[in-house]
C-alpha atoms as a PDB file:
ATOM      1  CA  MET A   1       5.883  92.803  54.108  1.00  0.00           C
ATOM      2  CA  ILE A   2       5.321  96.291  53.832  1.00  0.00           C
ATOM      3  CA  PHE A   3       7.774  99.261  53.761  1.00  0.00           C
ATOM      4  CA  ASP A   4       7.585 103.059  53.937  1.00  0.00           C
ATOM      5  CA  VAL A   5       9.048 105.009  51.774  1.00  0.00           C
ATOM      6  CA  ASP A   6      10.400 108.243  52.729  1.00  0.00           C
ATOM      7  CA  GLY A   7      12.774 107.470  55.131  1.00  0.00           C
ATOM      8  CA  ILE A   8      12.659 103.827  53.960  1.00  0.00           C
ATOM      9  CA  LEU A   9      12.881 103.478  50.231  1.00  0.00           C
ATOM     10  CA  THR A  10      14.282 106.722  50.034  1.00  0.00           C
ATOM     11  CA  ASP A  11      16.815 108.518  52.142  1.00  0.00           C
ATOM     12  CA  GLY A  12      14.027 110.619  52.851  1.00  0.00           C
ATOM     13  CA  SER A  13      14.872 113.931  51.339  1.00  0.00           C
ATOM     14  CA  LEU A  14      12.652 115.805  49.213  1.00  0.00           C
ATOM     15  CA  HIS A  15      14.059 117.156  46.275  1.00  0.00           C
ATOM     16  CA  TYR A  16      11.927 119.809  44.060  1.00  0.00           C
ATOM     17  CA  GLY A  17      12.531 120.540  40.288  1.00  0.00           C
ATOM     18  CA  PRO A  18      11.864 123.758  38.899  1.00  0.00           C
ATOM     19  CA  ASN A  19       8.297 123.241  38.244  1.00  0.00           C
ATOM     20  CA  GLY A  20       7.881 122.274  41.387  1.00  0.00           C
ATOM     21  CA  GLU A  21       7.708 118.378  40.825  1.00  0.00           C
ATOM     22  CA  MET A  22       8.893 116.158  43.838  1.00  0.00           C
ATOM     23  CA  ILE A  23      11.837 113.990  43.065  1.00  0.00           C
ATOM     24  CA  LYS A  24      12.650 110.814  44.814  1.00  0.00           C
ATOM     25  CA  THR A  25      15.403 108.410  44.616  1.00  0.00           C
ATOM     26  CA  PHE A  26      15.528 104.856  45.177  1.00  0.00           C
ATOM     27  CA  ASN A  27      18.172 102.515  45.380  1.00  0.00           C
ATOM     28  CA  VAL A  28      17.930  99.035  43.362  1.00  0.00           C
ATOM     29  CA  LEU A  29      19.653  96.931  45.296  1.00  0.00           C
ATOM     30  CA  ASP A  30      16.658  97.516  47.342  1.00  0.00           C
ATOM     31  CA  GLY A  31      13.802  96.758  44.309  1.00  0.00           C
ATOM     32  CA  HIS A  32      15.405  93.663  43.348  1.00  0.00           C
ATOM     33  CA  GLY A  33      15.425  92.562  47.526  1.00  0.00           C
ATOM     34  CA  ILE A  34      11.928  93.523  47.017  1.00  0.00           C
ATOM     35  CA  LYS A  35      11.333  91.121  43.829  1.00  0.00           C
ATOM     36  CA  LEU A  36      13.437  87.981  45.314  1.00  0.00           C
ATOM     37  CA  LEU A  37      11.329  88.043  48.608  1.00  0.00           C
ATOM     38  CA  GLN A  38       7.850  88.405  46.226  1.00  0.00           C
ATOM     39  CA  GLN A  39       9.903  84.801  44.334  1.00  0.00           C
ATOM     40  CA  SER A  40       9.740  82.847  47.657  1.00  0.00           C
ATOM     41  CA  GLY A  41       6.156  83.915  48.380  1.00  0.00           C
ATOM     42  CA  VAL A  42       5.560  86.717  50.033  1.00  0.00           C
ATOM     43  CA  SER A  43       3.322  89.594  49.336  1.00  0.00           C
ATOM     44  CA  THR A  44       4.042  93.367  48.824  1.00  0.00           C
ATOM     45  CA  ALA A  45       2.071  96.422  50.220  1.00  0.00           C
ATOM     46  CA  ILE A  46       3.154 100.181  50.428  1.00  0.00           C
ATOM     47  CA  ILE A  47       1.739 102.842  52.971  1.00  0.00           C
ATOM     48  CA  SER A  48       3.262 106.133  52.797  1.00  0.00           C
ATOM     49  CA  ALA A  49       1.564 109.433  53.775  1.00  0.00           C
ATOM     50  CA  ARG A  50       2.671 110.916  51.195  1.00  0.00           C
ATOM     51  CA  LYS A  51       1.464 110.982  47.837  1.00  0.00           C
ATOM     52  CA  SER A  52       3.516 111.008  44.689  1.00  0.00           C
ATOM     53  CA  ASP A  53       3.322 109.746  40.941  1.00  0.00           C
ATOM     54  CA  ILE A  54       7.033 108.638  41.358  1.00  0.00           C
ATOM     55  CA  VAL A  55       6.087 106.062  44.227  1.00  0.00           C
ATOM     56  CA  VAL A  56       2.959 104.205  41.695  1.00  0.00           C
ATOM     57  CA  ARG A  57       5.770 104.207  39.189  1.00  0.00           C
ATOM     58  CA  ARG A  58       8.483 102.510  41.640  1.00  0.00           C
ATOM     59  CA  ALA A  59       5.901 100.156  42.598  1.00  0.00           C
ATOM     60  CA  ALA A  60       5.096  99.174  39.170  1.00  0.00           C
ATOM     61  CA  ASP A  61       8.890  98.391  38.426  1.00  0.00           C
ATOM     62  CA  VAL A  62       9.238  96.352  41.595  1.00  0.00           C
ATOM     63  CA  GLY A  63       5.659  94.266  40.977  1.00  0.00           C
ATOM     64  CA  ILE A  64       4.338  96.258  44.490  1.00  0.00           C
ATOM     65  CA  HIS A  65       0.212  95.492  43.587  1.00  0.00           C
ATOM     66  CA  HIS A  66      -0.966  96.926  47.297  1.00  0.00           C
ATOM     67  CA  VAL A  67      -0.119 101.066  47.545  1.00  0.00           C
ATOM     68  CA  TYR A  68      -1.607 103.068  49.595  1.00  0.00           C
ATOM     69  CA  GLN A  69      -0.432 106.531  49.857  1.00  0.00           C
ATOM     70  CA  GLY A  70      -1.568 109.746  50.791  1.00  0.00           C
ATOM     71  CA  VAL A  71      -2.922 108.590  54.261  1.00  0.00           C
ATOM     72  CA  HIS A  72      -1.576 110.453  57.279  1.00  0.00           C
ATOM     73  CA  ASP A  73      -3.567 107.852  59.376  1.00  0.00           C
ATOM     74  CA  LYS A  74      -1.747 104.512  58.946  1.00  0.00           C
ATOM     75  CA  ARG A  75      -4.018 102.772  60.990  1.00  0.00           C
ATOM     76  CA  MET A  76      -6.398 103.062  58.619  1.00  0.00           C
ATOM     77  CA  ALA A  77      -4.588 102.154  55.568  1.00  0.00           C
ATOM     78  CA  PHE A  78      -3.330  98.790  57.340  1.00  0.00           C
ATOM     79  CA  GLU A  79      -6.763  98.165  58.215  1.00  0.00           C
ATOM     80  CA  GLN A  80      -7.537  98.508  54.583  1.00  0.00           C
ATOM     81  CA  LEU A  81      -4.626  96.605  53.189  1.00  0.00           C
ATOM     82  CA  LEU A  82      -5.919  93.704  56.188  1.00  0.00           C
ATOM     83  CA  SER A  83      -9.481  93.908  54.524  1.00  0.00           C
ATOM     84  CA  ASP A  84      -8.147  93.604  50.527  1.00  0.00           C
ATOM     85  CA  THR A  85      -5.911  90.698  51.458  1.00  0.00           C
ATOM     86  CA  GLY A  86      -7.856  88.758  54.352  1.00  0.00           C
ATOM     87  CA  ILE A  87      -4.173  88.818  55.638  1.00  0.00           C
ATOM     88  CA  ALA A  88      -4.233  89.084  59.184  1.00  0.00           C
ATOM     89  CA  PRO A  89      -1.880  91.504  60.858  1.00  0.00           C
ATOM     90  CA  GLU A  90      -0.105  89.251  63.050  1.00  0.00           C
ATOM     91  CA  ALA A  91       1.120  87.684  59.714  1.00  0.00           C
ATOM     92  CA  CYS A  92       2.769  91.068  58.424  1.00  0.00           C
ATOM     93  CA  GLY A  93       5.455  92.815  59.016  1.00  0.00           C
ATOM     94  CA  PHE A  94       6.210  96.603  58.498  1.00  0.00           C
ATOM     95  CA  ILE A  95       9.331  98.844  57.899  1.00  0.00           C
ATOM     96  CA  GLY A  96       8.941 102.617  59.377  1.00  0.00           C
ATOM     97  CA  ASP A  97      11.215 105.151  61.051  1.00  0.00           C
ATOM     98  CA  ASP A  98       8.595 108.053  62.283  1.00  0.00           C
ATOM     99  CA  VAL A  99       6.092 107.993  65.009  1.00  0.00           C
ATOM    100  CA  ILE A 100       3.611 108.157  62.182  1.00  0.00           C
ATOM    101  CA  ASP A 101       4.396 104.504  61.408  1.00  0.00           C
ATOM    102  CA  LEU A 102       3.826 103.340  65.091  1.00  0.00           C
ATOM    103  CA  PRO A 103       0.458 102.629  64.605  1.00  0.00           C
ATOM    104  CA  ILE A 104       1.078 100.086  62.498  1.00  0.00           C
ATOM    105  CA  LEU A 105       4.829  98.744  64.126  1.00  0.00           C
ATOM    106  CA  LEU A 106       3.026  98.247  67.338  1.00  0.00           C
ATOM    107  CA  ARG A 107       0.270  95.613  65.419  1.00  0.00           C
ATOM    108  CA  CYS A 108       2.332  93.755  63.135  1.00  0.00           C
ATOM    109  CA  GLY A 109       3.662  90.545  63.820  1.00  0.00           C
ATOM    110  CA  PHE A 110       7.142  91.501  62.884  1.00  0.00           C
ATOM    111  CA  SER A 111       8.300  95.438  62.946  1.00  0.00           C
ATOM    112  CA  ALA A 112      11.915  96.946  62.020  1.00  0.00           C
ATOM    113  CA  SER A 113      13.029  99.830  61.156  1.00  0.00           C
ATOM    114  CA  VAL A 114      16.472 101.958  60.263  1.00  0.00           C
ATOM    115  CA  PRO A 115      19.762 103.544  62.481  1.00  0.00           C
ATOM    116  CA  ASN A 116      18.502 107.203  61.035  1.00  0.00           C
ATOM    117  CA  ALA A 117      14.875 106.485  62.210  1.00  0.00           C
ATOM    118  CA  HIS A 118      12.679 108.798  65.106  1.00  0.00           C
ATOM    119  CA  SER A 119      14.155 107.076  68.634  1.00  0.00           C
ATOM    120  CA  GLU A 120      10.667 106.659  69.513  1.00  0.00           C
ATOM    121  CA  VAL A 121      10.475 103.970  66.698  1.00  0.00           C
ATOM    122  CA  ARG A 122      13.876 102.476  66.999  1.00  0.00           C
ATOM    123  CA  SER A 123      13.465 101.322  70.566  1.00  0.00           C
ATOM    124  CA  ARG A 124       9.442  99.480  69.749  1.00  0.00           C
ATOM    125  CA  VAL A 125      10.966  97.755  66.993  1.00  0.00           C
ATOM    126  CA  HIS A 126      12.139  94.099  66.434  1.00  0.00           C
ATOM    127  CA  TYR A 127      14.809  94.432  63.414  1.00  0.00           C
ATOM    128  CA  LEU A 128      16.888  97.456  63.030  1.00  0.00           C
ATOM    129  CA  THR A 129      18.843  97.561  60.082  1.00  0.00           C
ATOM    130  CA  GLN A 130      22.477  98.372  59.620  1.00  0.00           C
ATOM    131  CA  ALA A 131      22.217 100.038  56.416  1.00  0.00           C
ATOM    132  CA  ALA A 132      20.280 103.716  56.554  1.00  0.00           C
ATOM    133  CA  GLY A 133      16.886 104.154  54.584  1.00  0.00           C
ATOM    134  CA  GLY A 134      17.117 104.826  50.751  1.00  0.00           C
ATOM    135  CA  ARG A 135      20.748 103.217  50.876  1.00  0.00           C
ATOM    136  CA  GLY A 136      20.344  99.351  51.180  1.00  0.00           C
ATOM    137  CA  ALA A 137      17.645  98.974  54.402  1.00  0.00           C
ATOM    138  CA  ALA A 138      15.249  97.307  52.480  1.00  0.00           C
ATOM    139  CA  ARG A 139      17.167  94.668  50.791  1.00  0.00           C
ATOM    140  CA  GLU A 140      18.967  93.825  53.521  1.00  0.00           C
ATOM    141  CA  LEU A 141      15.180  93.041  55.329  1.00  0.00           C
ATOM    142  CA  CYS A 142      14.380  91.240  52.658  1.00  0.00           C
ATOM    143  CA  ASP A 143      17.533  88.934  53.034  1.00  0.00           C
ATOM    144  CA  PHE A 144      16.913  89.220  56.523  1.00  0.00           C
ATOM    145  CA  ILE A 145      13.316  87.614  55.784  1.00  0.00           C
ATOM    146  CA  LEU A 146      14.583  85.005  53.361  1.00  0.00           C
ATOM    147  CA  ARG A 147      17.008  83.547  55.245  1.00  0.00           C
ATOM    148  CA  ALA A 148      14.625  83.829  58.433  1.00  0.00           C
ATOM    149  CA  GLN A 149      12.309  81.364  55.903  1.00  0.00           C
ATOM    150  CA  GLY A 150      15.401  79.310  54.845  1.00  0.00           C
ATOM    151  CA  ASN A 151      14.405  80.745  51.091  1.00  0.00           C
ATOM    152  CA  TYR A 152      17.986  82.687  50.562  1.00  0.00           C
ATOM    153  CA  GLU A 153      19.896  80.342  49.067  1.00  0.00           C
ATOM    154  CA  ALA A 154      16.880  78.884  46.814  1.00  0.00           C
ATOM    155  CA  ALA A 155      16.722  82.589  45.906  1.00  0.00           C
ATOM    156  CA  LEU A 156      20.126  83.125  44.982  1.00  0.00           C
ATOM    157  CA  ALA A 157      20.500  79.837  43.301  1.00  0.00           C
ATOM    158  CA  PRO A 158      19.367  81.302  39.684  1.00  0.00           C
ATOM    159  CA  TYR A 159      22.611  83.636  40.068  1.00  0.00           C
ATOM    160  CA  LEU A 160      25.001  80.848  41.017  1.00  0.00           C
ATOM    161  CA  ALA A 161      24.189  78.355  38.014  1.00  0.00           C
END
């Protein structure tokens, strides 16, 4: 499962500190959902047009090893990810929110977006979350995938014992 960052793992807002540093806010529930997805055997990646050290740190925090940043042609990053992992495009999922994401959304086997995405994206995806980007959308998607694969109860089992 591949995640865009701005508008998906964040609410899409960009905050700049007094020294020009970019500040992004990530959702804790999203992060744990990504970890649960990984524990069920689903590989994860990030493809983002922006480049930010904080994204590298967040990816490390949640165990995402494939991070492609600063790529305005996301199709090229997707091709590189496929080459690096040996995974077929139809075996990949991607969640994005803007037209820059369409080249991947239209090529992968499972595409998703958020309610506040661009209308051209919302109209072309397989799944639209109820939660907004940065507000639990990634967690909702992870739970959806775990349920679809029959792994949701097993993922919760350690917390129910």
